[in-house]
Amino acid sequence: MRTSLAVAAAVAAILSAPPAFSGDHLLSRETAQARLAAAAAERRHELDAVDRVLATSEAARAASSVGVDIAAVRAAVPALGDAELADLAVRAAALEGDPVAGLDHDIKLLLEIFLIVAIVILVLRAIG
C-alpha cells in the first residue's frame, strides 16, 4: 500500500511539474563566463602571491634548513586546491606586507618554514 502510494505521488509530481527547456538556466552564459574568469584571475593572483614569497632568499634558506627543495615546492603550488591556496596566499601576503612586524629574524624564519611545510603537506595530501 505504501509503495503504490509513493509511486502515485512520484508520478503526480512528475506530471504536474512545468516543462524545462534547454534555454532555461539559473545563470546566463555571460554571467557564468564572467564568474569563471573572475575565479581564474583570483587564483592567478593567489598563485603569484605565494610564489613571490617562495622566490625570496629567506624562503630558500628556510627550505634548505628543513631539507626541502624550494624549486619542488614552487612547482607543486599550482596543484593545491582553491581553499588551501587562498589560505596560503593570505599568509604569504601577511609576510610580504609586514615581514618584520616587530618580530625578530628567527621568528620570521620559523614562519617561512611553517609556510613551506604547510605547502608540502597540502601537496602531498592532494597527490595521495
C-alpha atoms as a PDB file:
ATOM      1  CA  MET A   1       0.000   0.000   0.000  1.00  0.00           C
ATOM      2  CA  ARG A   2       2.757   2.451   0.949  1.00  0.00           C
ATOM      3  CA  THR A   3       4.741   1.572  -2.162  1.00  0.00           C
ATOM      4  CA  SER A   4       1.831   2.183  -4.511  1.00  0.00           C
ATOM      5  CA  LEU A   5       1.056   5.461  -2.726  1.00  0.00           C
ATOM      6  CA  ALA A   6       4.682   6.561  -3.099  1.00  0.00           C
ATOM      7  CA  VAL A   7       4.696   5.631  -6.789  1.00  0.00           C
ATOM      8  CA  ALA A   8       1.431   7.507  -7.344  1.00  0.00           C
ATOM      9  CA  ALA A   9       2.847  10.590  -5.579  1.00  0.00           C
ATOM     10  CA  ALA A  10       6.034  10.465  -7.662  1.00  0.00           C
ATOM     11  CA  VAL A  11       4.079  10.143 -10.932  1.00  0.00           C
ATOM     12  CA  ALA A  12       1.823  13.034  -9.919  1.00  0.00           C
ATOM     13  CA  ALA A  13       4.832  15.208  -9.090  1.00  0.00           C
ATOM     14  CA  ILE A  14       6.495  14.445 -12.428  1.00  0.00           C
ATOM     15  CA  LEU A  15       3.342  15.081 -14.443  1.00  0.00           C
ATOM     16  CA  SER A  16       2.484  18.318 -12.639  1.00  0.00           C
ATOM     17  CA  ALA A  17       5.963  19.857 -12.980  1.00  0.00           C
ATOM     18  CA  PRO A  18       6.320  22.538 -15.632  1.00  0.00           C
ATOM     19  CA  PRO A  19       8.398  21.504 -18.634  1.00  0.00           C
ATOM     20  CA  ALA A  20      12.054  22.521 -18.610  1.00  0.00           C
ATOM     21  CA  PHE A  21      13.539  23.871 -21.803  1.00  0.00           C
ATOM     22  CA  SER A  22      17.172  23.821 -22.799  1.00  0.00           C
ATOM     23  CA  GLY A  23      17.251  27.624 -22.779  1.00  0.00           C
ATOM     24  CA  ASP A  24      16.123  27.804 -19.143  1.00  0.00           C
ATOM     25  CA  HIS A  25      19.122  28.310 -16.859  1.00  0.00           C
ATOM     26  CA  LEU A  26      19.665  29.885 -13.497  1.00  0.00           C
ATOM     27  CA  LEU A  27      22.597  31.886 -14.852  1.00  0.00           C
ATOM     28  CA  SER A  28      23.117  33.357 -18.253  1.00  0.00           C
ATOM     29  CA  ARG A  29      26.094  32.145 -20.237  1.00  0.00           C
ATOM     30  CA  GLU A  30      27.747  35.555 -19.911  1.00  0.00           C
ATOM     31  CA  THR A  31      27.317  35.596 -16.128  1.00  0.00           C
ATOM     32  CA  ALA A  32      28.774  32.100 -15.811  1.00  0.00           C
ATOM     33  CA  GLN A  33      31.746  33.025 -18.010  1.00  0.00           C
ATOM     34  CA  ALA A  34      32.338  36.220 -16.049  1.00  0.00           C
ATOM     35  CA  ARG A  35      32.328  34.300 -12.756  1.00  0.00           C
ATOM     36  CA  LEU A  36      34.723  31.679 -14.130  1.00  0.00           C
ATOM     37  CA  ALA A  37      37.045  34.405 -15.410  1.00  0.00           C
ATOM     38  CA  ALA A  38      36.955  36.156 -12.023  1.00  0.00           C
ATOM     39  CA  ALA A  39      37.738  32.891 -10.210  1.00  0.00           C
ATOM     40  CA  ALA A  40      40.636  32.201 -12.578  1.00  0.00           C
ATOM     41  CA  ALA A  41      42.000  35.721 -12.059  1.00  0.00           C
ATOM     42  CA  GLU A  42      41.728  35.351  -8.271  1.00  0.00           C
ATOM     43  CA  ARG A  43      43.550  32.002  -8.392  1.00  0.00           C
ATOM     44  CA  ARG A  44      46.306  33.553 -10.561  1.00  0.00           C
ATOM     45  CA  HIS A  45      46.646  36.404  -8.040  1.00  0.00           C
ATOM     46  CA  GLU A  46      46.916  33.922  -5.141  1.00  0.00           C
ATOM     47  CA  LEU A  47      49.472  31.782  -7.008  1.00  0.00           C
ATOM     48  CA  ASP A  48      51.556  34.896  -7.661  1.00  0.00           C
ATOM     49  CA  ALA A  49      51.379  35.968  -4.001  1.00  0.00           C
ATOM     50  CA  VAL A  50      52.601  32.577  -2.750  1.00  0.00           C
ATOM     51  CA  ASP A  51      55.275  32.364  -5.440  1.00  0.00           C
ATOM     52  CA  ARG A  52      56.646  35.829  -4.605  1.00  0.00           C
ATOM     53  CA  VAL A  53      57.256  34.731  -1.019  1.00  0.00           C
ATOM     54  CA  LEU A  54      58.741  31.399  -2.076  1.00  0.00           C
ATOM     55  CA  ALA A  55      61.066  33.189  -4.512  1.00  0.00           C
ATOM     56  CA  THR A  56      62.822  35.095  -1.722  1.00  0.00           C
ATOM     57  CA  SER A  57      66.236  34.147  -0.433  1.00  0.00           C
ATOM     58  CA  GLU A  58      64.757  33.809   3.062  1.00  0.00           C
ATOM     59  CA  ALA A  59      62.354  31.145   1.814  1.00  0.00           C
ATOM     60  CA  ALA A  60      65.205  29.291   0.105  1.00  0.00           C
ATOM     61  CA  ARG A  61      67.193  29.340   3.351  1.00  0.00           C
ATOM     62  CA  ALA A  62      64.162  28.210   5.350  1.00  0.00           C
ATOM     63  CA  ALA A  63      63.512  25.343   2.942  1.00  0.00           C
ATOM     64  CA  SER A  64      67.116  24.185   2.960  1.00  0.00           C
ATOM     65  CA  SER A  65      67.155  24.293   6.751  1.00  0.00           C
ATOM     66  CA  VAL A  66      64.431  21.633   6.814  1.00  0.00           C
ATOM     67  CA  GLY A  67      65.834  19.691   3.854  1.00  0.00           C
ATOM     68  CA  VAL A  68      63.186  20.675   1.309  1.00  0.00           C
ATOM     69  CA  ASP A  69      63.908  21.605  -2.316  1.00  0.00           C
ATOM     70  CA  ILE A  70      62.360  25.058  -2.767  1.00  0.00           C
ATOM     71  CA  ALA A  71      62.078  24.560  -6.539  1.00  0.00           C
ATOM     72  CA  ALA A  72      59.963  21.452  -5.988  1.00  0.00           C
ATOM     73  CA  VAL A  73      57.749  23.355  -3.537  1.00  0.00           C
ATOM     74  CA  ARG A  74      57.273  26.197  -6.007  1.00  0.00           C
ATOM     75  CA  ALA A  75      56.457  23.743  -8.786  1.00  0.00           C
ATOM     76  CA  ALA A  76      53.873  21.981  -6.616  1.00  0.00           C
ATOM     77  CA  VAL A  77      51.943  25.079  -5.542  1.00  0.00           C
ATOM     78  CA  PRO A  78      49.610  25.045  -8.598  1.00  0.00           C
ATOM     79  CA  ALA A  79      48.395  21.578  -7.531  1.00  0.00           C
ATOM     80  CA  LEU A  80      46.857  22.995  -4.348  1.00  0.00           C
ATOM     81  CA  GLY A  81      43.097  23.241  -4.004  1.00  0.00           C
ATOM     82  CA  ASP A  82      41.390  26.625  -4.048  1.00  0.00           C
ATOM     83  CA  ALA A  83      40.807  26.801  -0.284  1.00  0.00           C
ATOM     84  CA  GLU A  84      44.364  25.704   0.526  1.00  0.00           C
ATOM     85  CA  LEU A  85      45.824  28.192  -1.927  1.00  0.00           C
ATOM     86  CA  ALA A  86      43.644  31.013  -0.581  1.00  0.00           C
ATOM     87  CA  ASP A  87      44.804  30.268   2.972  1.00  0.00           C
ATOM     88  CA  LEU A  88      48.469  30.249   1.973  1.00  0.00           C
ATOM     89  CA  ALA A  89      48.034  33.416  -0.103  1.00  0.00           C
ATOM     90  CA  VAL A  90      46.707  35.240   2.961  1.00  0.00           C
ATOM     91  CA  ARG A  91      49.711  34.053   4.974  1.00  0.00           C
ATOM     92  CA  ALA A  92      52.097  34.993   2.168  1.00  0.00           C
ATOM     93  CA  ALA A  93      50.539  38.452   1.890  1.00  0.00           C
ATOM     94  CA  ALA A  94      50.975  38.947   5.637  1.00  0.00           C
ATOM     95  CA  LEU A  95      54.660  38.034   5.385  1.00  0.00           C
ATOM     96  CA  GLU A  96      55.107  40.197   2.319  1.00  0.00           C
ATOM     97  CA  GLY A  97      53.172  43.186   3.644  1.00  0.00           C
ATOM     98  CA  ASP A  98      54.808  43.374   7.048  1.00  0.00           C
ATOM     99  CA  PRO A  99      57.725  40.942   7.076  1.00  0.00           C
ATOM    100  CA  VAL A 100      59.118  42.024  10.390  1.00  0.00           C
ATOM    101  CA  ALA A 101      56.003  43.138  12.263  1.00  0.00           C
ATOM    102  CA  GLY A 102      58.046  43.595  15.387  1.00  0.00           C
ATOM    103  CA  LEU A 103      59.349  40.040  15.214  1.00  0.00           C
ATOM    104  CA  ASP A 104      62.985  39.133  15.189  1.00  0.00           C
ATOM    105  CA  HIS A 105      64.667  37.306  12.321  1.00  0.00           C
ATOM    106  CA  ASP A 106      64.339  33.878  13.939  1.00  0.00           C
ATOM    107  CA  ILE A 107      60.572  34.119  14.264  1.00  0.00           C
ATOM    108  CA  LYS A 108      60.273  35.312  10.666  1.00  0.00           C
ATOM    109  CA  LEU A 109      62.354  32.330   9.579  1.00  0.00           C
ATOM    110  CA  LEU A 110      60.103  29.996  11.570  1.00  0.00           C
ATOM    111  CA  LEU A 111      57.034  31.487   9.887  1.00  0.00           C
ATOM    112  CA  GLU A 112      58.566  30.925   6.457  1.00  0.00           C
ATOM    113  CA  ILE A 113      59.468  27.355   7.407  1.00  0.00           C
ATOM    114  CA  PHE A 114      55.878  26.840   8.530  1.00  0.00           C
ATOM    115  CA  LEU A 115      54.601  28.178   5.201  1.00  0.00           C
ATOM    116  CA  ILE A 116      56.859  25.815   3.260  1.00  0.00           C
ATOM    117  CA  VAL A 117      55.997  22.802   5.408  1.00  0.00           C
ATOM    118  CA  ALA A 118      52.284  23.609   5.071  1.00  0.00           C
ATOM    119  CA  ILE A 119      52.614  23.700   1.280  1.00  0.00           C
ATOM    120  CA  VAL A 120      54.484  20.390   1.254  1.00  0.00           C
ATOM    121  CA  ILE A 121      51.846  18.737   3.447  1.00  0.00           C
ATOM    122  CA  LEU A 122      48.965  20.070   1.366  1.00  0.00           C
ATOM    123  CA  VAL A 123      50.596  18.977  -1.888  1.00  0.00           C
ATOM    124  CA  LEU A 124      51.244  15.502  -0.510  1.00  0.00           C
ATOM    125  CA  ARG A 125      47.580  15.265   0.515  1.00  0.00           C
ATOM    126  CA  ALA A 126      46.447  16.432  -2.916  1.00  0.00           C
ATOM    127  CA  ILE A 127      48.641  13.897  -4.688  1.00  0.00           C
ATOM    128  CA  GLY A 128      47.936  10.968  -2.364  1.00  0.00           C
END
